[in-house]
């Protein structure tokens, strides 16, 4: 439940901040007449995200077991790729997000109502689709048939909306750079578990071999249906009997991704410039 709460909070807060920035800019520039198209675009983005999530859930129920596993594994890889790009993008551009959105909104205001709807729709729709996909794959990875994972995601989204409203009203101040850095790091850990289980799905679908080659089995120590196993599964997508491929995928993704995520800004560009300078001599 915590992992899905984190996803809902992180993705939802990004969308909430985007909406708050757009609305605040229109109010401060005395363009309240443009609020309706913006809200229309936001509403359309929410409907698209809900429809996408419903299509994933109900569409997969009509498939055979192996087809479901193949779909779940493939979408897990796609979701991890998207969320990885998203956390790096937000870490790099969070400081300039406000100016970037203001520029897009100015262009839309000059173009007309349709452009306003499209601007709001695209700004929020990307976050909504990412949230739907990642929550679906995370729920699929936990194998939890209860409502807890979905409830966790909805609670995270509700918290994000509340925080966004408090930001807009000026009642709450937090260091957004630190917030997005640490929640991004936690989301990378969650993504590593989703990716590993995605490859397990592909193994069960016979797309990848090695299903019966276990890295270890500590089921007798940490029971999958026990409180500790359930907690670790819900937070980290941990399972007590992973395959060798799952462990390898988990390590290959997690270690370098976290190292790059916490690397000082500009480190690799400075190294590239230094290498370019030395090679030109």
Protein backbone atom coordinates (compact mmCIF):
# COMPACT_ATOMS: atom_id res chain seq x y z
CA UNK A 1 0.00 0.00 0.00
CA UNK A 2 2.86 2.39 0.85
CA UNK A 3 4.47 1.99 -2.58
CA UNK A 4 1.21 2.86 -4.31
CA UNK A 5 0.64 5.77 -1.92
CA UNK A 6 4.09 7.07 -2.87
CA UNK A 7 3.29 6.74 -6.57
CA UNK A 8 -0.01 8.59 -6.16
CA UNK A 9 1.59 11.29 -4.01
CA UNK A 10 4.62 11.83 -6.24
CA UNK A 11 2.82 11.81 -9.59
CA UNK A 12 -0.25 13.56 -8.22
CA UNK A 13 1.78 16.37 -6.69
CA UNK A 14 3.49 17.04 -10.01
CA UNK A 15 0.10 17.33 -11.70
CA UNK A 16 -1.26 19.47 -8.85
CA UNK A 17 1.69 21.85 -9.05
CA UNK A 18 1.24 22.18 -12.80
CA UNK A 19 -2.46 23.03 -12.40
CA UNK A 20 -1.71 25.47 -9.56
CA UNK A 21 0.95 27.26 -11.62
CA UNK A 22 -1.39 27.59 -14.60
CA UNK A 23 -4.33 28.82 -12.50
CA UNK A 24 -2.23 31.24 -10.42
CA UNK A 25 -0.70 32.76 -13.54
CA UNK A 26 -4.08 33.34 -15.16
CA UNK A 27 -5.48 34.90 -11.98
CA UNK A 28 -2.47 37.19 -11.47
CA UNK A 29 -2.54 38.34 -15.10
CA UNK A 30 -6.29 39.01 -14.85
CA UNK A 31 -7.19 36.39 -17.44
CA UNK A 32 -9.90 34.62 -15.46
CA UNK A 33 -11.84 34.15 -18.70
CA UNK A 34 -9.23 31.51 -19.62
CA UNK A 35 -9.80 29.44 -16.48
CA UNK A 36 -12.69 27.45 -17.96
CA UNK A 37 -10.69 26.07 -20.93
CA UNK A 38 -7.83 25.15 -18.60
CA UNK A 39 -10.17 23.24 -16.27
CA UNK A 40 -11.73 21.60 -19.32
CA UNK A 41 -8.30 20.36 -20.41
CA UNK A 42 -7.52 19.12 -16.88
CA UNK A 43 -10.86 17.28 -16.72
CA UNK A 44 -10.25 15.63 -20.09
CA UNK A 45 -6.80 14.50 -18.92
CA UNK A 46 -8.28 12.93 -15.77
CA UNK A 47 -10.93 11.10 -17.81
CA UNK A 48 -8.23 9.81 -20.18
CA UNK A 49 -6.12 8.52 -17.29
CA UNK A 50 -9.10 6.76 -15.67
CA UNK A 51 -10.12 5.26 -19.01
CA UNK A 52 -6.59 4.04 -19.65
CA UNK A 53 -6.44 2.40 -16.22
CA UNK A 54 -9.83 0.75 -16.72
CA UNK A 55 -8.78 -0.54 -20.15
CA UNK A 56 -5.65 -2.09 -18.66
CA UNK A 57 -7.55 -3.76 -15.83
CA UNK A 58 -10.62 -5.06 -17.63
CA UNK A 59 -8.89 -5.75 -20.93
CA UNK A 60 -6.32 -8.02 -19.29
CA UNK A 61 -9.06 -10.12 -17.66
CA UNK A 62 -10.15 -11.41 -21.06
CA UNK A 63 -6.70 -12.87 -21.81
CA UNK A 64 -5.22 -16.27 -21.13
CA UNK A 65 -2.82 -16.64 -18.20
CA UNK A 66 0.31 -16.50 -20.36
CA UNK A 67 -1.02 -13.53 -22.32
CA UNK A 68 -1.72 -11.70 -19.05
CA UNK A 69 1.80 -12.41 -17.82
CA UNK A 70 3.31 -11.27 -21.12
CA UNK A 71 1.27 -8.06 -21.03
CA UNK A 72 2.08 -7.41 -17.38
CA UNK A 73 5.79 -8.01 -17.90
CA UNK A 74 5.98 -5.84 -21.01
CA UNK A 75 4.05 -2.97 -19.44
CA UNK A 76 6.19 -3.21 -16.31
CA UNK A 77 9.28 -2.55 -18.39
CA UNK A 78 7.57 0.36 -20.17
CA UNK A 79 6.32 1.79 -16.86
CA UNK A 80 9.76 1.60 -15.25
CA UNK A 81 11.28 3.34 -18.27
CA UNK A 82 8.71 6.15 -18.07
CA UNK A 83 8.98 6.65 -14.32
CA UNK A 84 12.79 6.64 -14.50
CA UNK A 85 12.71 9.32 -17.18
CA UNK A 86 10.16 11.26 -15.12
CA UNK A 87 12.19 11.36 -11.88
CA UNK A 88 15.33 12.46 -13.70
CA UNK A 89 13.38 15.05 -15.69
CA UNK A 90 11.78 16.53 -12.58
CA UNK A 91 15.09 16.60 -10.72
CA UNK A 92 16.68 18.51 -13.60
CA UNK A 93 13.83 20.92 -14.48
CA UNK A 94 11.94 21.48 -11.21
CA UNK A 95 13.54 24.90 -10.74
CA UNK A 96 12.53 26.04 -14.22
CA UNK A 97 9.09 24.38 -14.38
CA UNK A 98 7.21 27.57 -13.55
CA UNK A 99 8.89 29.64 -16.27
CA UNK A 100 8.44 26.85 -18.83
CA UNK A 101 4.72 26.55 -18.13
CA UNK A 102 4.26 30.32 -18.22
CA UNK A 103 5.87 30.42 -21.67
CA UNK A 104 3.58 27.68 -22.98
CA UNK A 105 0.54 29.38 -21.48
CA UNK A 106 1.42 32.74 -23.05
CA UNK A 107 1.60 31.05 -26.44
CA UNK A 108 -1.73 29.31 -25.85
CA UNK A 109 -3.39 32.57 -24.77
CA UNK A 110 -2.34 34.19 -28.02
CA UNK A 111 -3.55 31.22 -30.07
CA UNK A 112 -7.00 30.76 -28.58
CA UNK A 113 -9.33 28.59 -26.49
CA UNK A 114 -8.47 25.27 -28.15
CA UNK A 115 -4.77 25.86 -27.49
CA UNK A 116 -5.52 26.47 -23.79
CA UNK A 117 -7.44 23.21 -23.55
CA UNK A 118 -4.63 21.32 -25.31
CA UNK A 119 -1.93 22.90 -23.11
CA UNK A 120 -3.66 21.92 -19.87
CA UNK A 121 -4.58 18.50 -21.28
CA UNK A 122 -1.01 17.67 -22.29
CA UNK A 123 0.53 19.05 -19.10
CA UNK A 124 -1.70 16.95 -16.83
CA UNK A 125 -2.42 14.04 -19.18
CA UNK A 126 1.20 12.86 -19.24
CA UNK A 127 1.25 12.62 -15.46
CA UNK A 128 -2.13 10.86 -15.44
CA UNK A 129 -1.13 8.21 -17.97
CA UNK A 130 2.15 7.55 -16.16
CA UNK A 131 0.28 7.22 -12.86
CA UNK A 132 -2.31 4.80 -14.29
CA UNK A 133 0.34 2.62 -15.92
CA UNK A 134 2.72 2.52 -12.97
CA UNK A 135 -0.02 1.91 -10.39
CA UNK A 136 -1.45 -0.91 -12.53
CA UNK A 137 1.92 -2.58 -12.94
CA UNK A 138 2.75 -2.11 -9.25
CA UNK A 139 -0.57 -3.67 -8.21
CA UNK A 140 -0.01 -6.50 -10.70
CA UNK A 141 3.48 -7.08 -9.30
CA UNK A 142 2.29 -7.35 -5.69
CA UNK A 143 -0.28 -9.94 -6.70
CA UNK A 144 -2.62 -8.43 -4.11
CA UNK A 145 -6.24 -8.95 -5.03
CA UNK A 146 -7.55 -6.64 -2.29
CA UNK A 147 -8.47 -2.98 -2.62
CA UNK A 148 -5.49 -1.85 -0.50
CA UNK A 149 -3.10 -1.04 -3.40
CA UNK A 150 -5.72 1.04 -5.22
CA UNK A 151 -6.77 2.68 -1.95
CA UNK A 152 -3.13 3.58 -1.32
CA UNK A 153 -2.79 5.22 -4.73
CA UNK A 154 -6.07 7.14 -4.29
CA UNK A 155 -4.98 8.30 -0.83
CA UNK A 156 -1.69 9.50 -2.30
CA UNK A 157 -3.53 11.41 -5.03
CA UNK A 158 -5.88 12.96 -2.46
CA UNK A 159 -2.88 14.06 -0.38
CA UNK A 160 -1.28 15.54 -3.50
CA UNK A 161 -4.42 17.53 -4.33
CA UNK A 162 -4.56 18.86 -0.75
CA UNK A 163 -0.88 19.86 -0.84
CA UNK A 164 -1.37 21.54 -4.21
CA UNK A 165 -4.29 23.55 -2.87
CA UNK A 166 -2.26 24.58 0.20
CA UNK A 167 0.61 25.66 -2.08
CA UNK A 168 -1.81 27.72 -4.15
CA UNK A 169 -3.24 29.40 -1.05
CA UNK A 170 0.26 30.09 0.26
CA UNK A 171 -0.44 28.12 3.44
CA UNK A 172 2.36 25.59 2.95
CA UNK A 173 6.04 25.97 2.13
CA UNK A 174 8.39 23.05 1.63
CA UNK A 175 11.64 22.55 -0.24
CA UNK A 176 10.33 21.05 -3.47
CA UNK A 177 13.82 20.22 -4.73
CA UNK A 178 14.49 18.02 -1.69
CA UNK A 179 11.00 16.57 -1.79
CA UNK A 180 11.29 15.46 -5.40
CA UNK A 181 14.85 14.21 -4.85
CA UNK A 182 14.02 11.88 -1.95
CA UNK A 183 10.65 10.72 -3.26
CA UNK A 184 12.34 10.17 -6.62
CA UNK A 185 14.96 7.97 -4.98
CA UNK A 186 12.28 5.95 -3.18
CA UNK A 187 10.38 5.61 -6.44
CA UNK A 188 13.52 4.24 -8.13
CA UNK A 189 13.63 1.52 -5.43
CA UNK A 190 9.97 0.72 -6.06
CA UNK A 191 10.62 0.69 -9.82
CA UNK A 192 13.45 -1.80 -9.35
CA UNK A 193 11.02 -4.23 -7.72
CA UNK A 194 8.42 -3.69 -10.43
CA UNK A 195 11.05 -4.29 -13.13
CA UNK A 196 12.28 -7.49 -11.48
CA UNK A 197 8.75 -8.82 -11.17
CA UNK A 198 8.07 -7.78 -14.76
CA UNK A 199 10.83 -10.11 -15.89
CA UNK A 200 9.33 -12.81 -13.65
CA UNK A 201 6.06 -12.34 -15.56
CA UNK A 202 7.93 -12.76 -18.84
CA UNK A 203 9.47 -15.96 -17.45
CA UNK A 204 6.02 -17.30 -16.57
CA UNK A 205 4.86 -16.40 -20.08
CA UNK A 206 7.78 -18.47 -21.48
CA UNK A 207 9.23 -15.36 -23.14
CA UNK A 208 12.38 -15.67 -21.00
CA UNK A 209 13.92 -18.80 -19.51
CA UNK A 210 15.23 -19.54 -16.03
CA UNK A 211 11.91 -19.67 -14.17
CA UNK A 212 13.02 -22.63 -12.06
CA UNK A 213 16.52 -21.29 -11.35
CA UNK A 214 16.14 -19.61 -7.96
CA UNK A 215 18.73 -17.22 -6.55
CA UNK A 216 17.67 -18.15 -3.00
CA UNK A 217 14.61 -19.30 -1.11
CA UNK A 218 13.93 -17.95 2.37
CA UNK A 219 10.20 -18.71 2.36
CA UNK A 220 10.61 -20.68 5.59
CA UNK A 221 12.04 -17.58 7.30
CA UNK A 222 9.88 -14.89 5.65
CA UNK A 223 6.53 -16.40 4.75
CA UNK A 224 4.99 -14.71 1.66
CA UNK A 225 1.59 -14.53 3.39
CA UNK A 226 3.01 -13.44 6.76
CA UNK A 227 2.99 -9.86 8.03
CA UNK A 228 6.66 -9.26 7.20
CA UNK A 229 6.42 -10.84 3.76
CA UNK A 230 3.27 -8.86 2.99
CA UNK A 231 4.91 -5.63 4.17
CA UNK A 232 8.07 -6.16 2.11
CA UNK A 233 6.02 -7.18 -0.89
CA UNK A 234 3.83 -4.10 -0.68
CA UNK A 235 6.69 -1.64 -0.17
CA UNK A 236 9.59 -3.13 -2.15
CA UNK A 237 7.94 -5.84 -4.30
CA UNK A 238 10.18 -8.27 -2.42
CA UNK A 239 9.62 -11.99 -2.75
CA UNK A 240 11.45 -14.64 -0.68
CA UNK A 241 12.15 -16.93 -3.65
CA UNK A 242 13.28 -14.79 -6.62
CA UNK A 243 14.87 -16.24 -9.73
CA UNK A 244 18.48 -15.48 -10.62
CA UNK A 245 17.29 -13.26 -13.47
CA UNK A 246 15.12 -11.21 -11.12
CA UNK A 247 18.03 -10.52 -8.76
CA UNK A 248 20.35 -9.63 -11.64
CA UNK A 249 17.77 -7.27 -13.20
CA UNK A 250 17.08 -5.65 -9.81
CA UNK A 251 20.78 -4.97 -9.16
CA UNK A 252 21.62 -3.90 -12.72
CA UNK A 253 18.82 -1.33 -12.66
CA UNK A 254 18.94 -0.10 -9.05
CA UNK A 255 22.67 0.45 -8.43
CA UNK A 256 23.61 2.54 -11.50
CA UNK A 257 20.26 4.39 -11.54
CA UNK A 258 20.64 5.56 -7.93
CA UNK A 259 24.30 6.44 -8.55
CA UNK A 260 23.32 8.61 -11.53
CA UNK A 261 20.36 10.09 -9.67
CA UNK A 262 22.50 11.30 -6.75
CA UNK A 263 25.47 12.35 -8.91
CA UNK A 264 26.26 16.09 -8.66
CA UNK A 265 24.50 18.14 -11.37
CA UNK A 266 26.73 18.72 -14.38
CA UNK A 267 29.20 16.01 -13.38
CA UNK A 268 28.98 14.12 -16.66
CA UNK A 269 28.85 17.24 -18.82
CA UNK A 270 32.03 18.53 -17.15
CA UNK A 271 33.73 15.18 -17.73
CA UNK A 272 32.63 15.22 -21.35
CA UNK A 273 34.05 18.71 -21.82
CA UNK A 274 37.33 17.66 -20.18
CA UNK A 275 37.61 14.59 -22.40
CA UNK A 276 36.85 16.68 -25.48
CA UNK A 277 39.49 19.21 -24.55
CA UNK A 278 42.15 16.52 -23.96
CA UNK A 279 41.38 14.74 -27.24
CA UNK A 280 41.72 17.97 -29.22
CA UNK A 281 45.29 18.48 -28.03
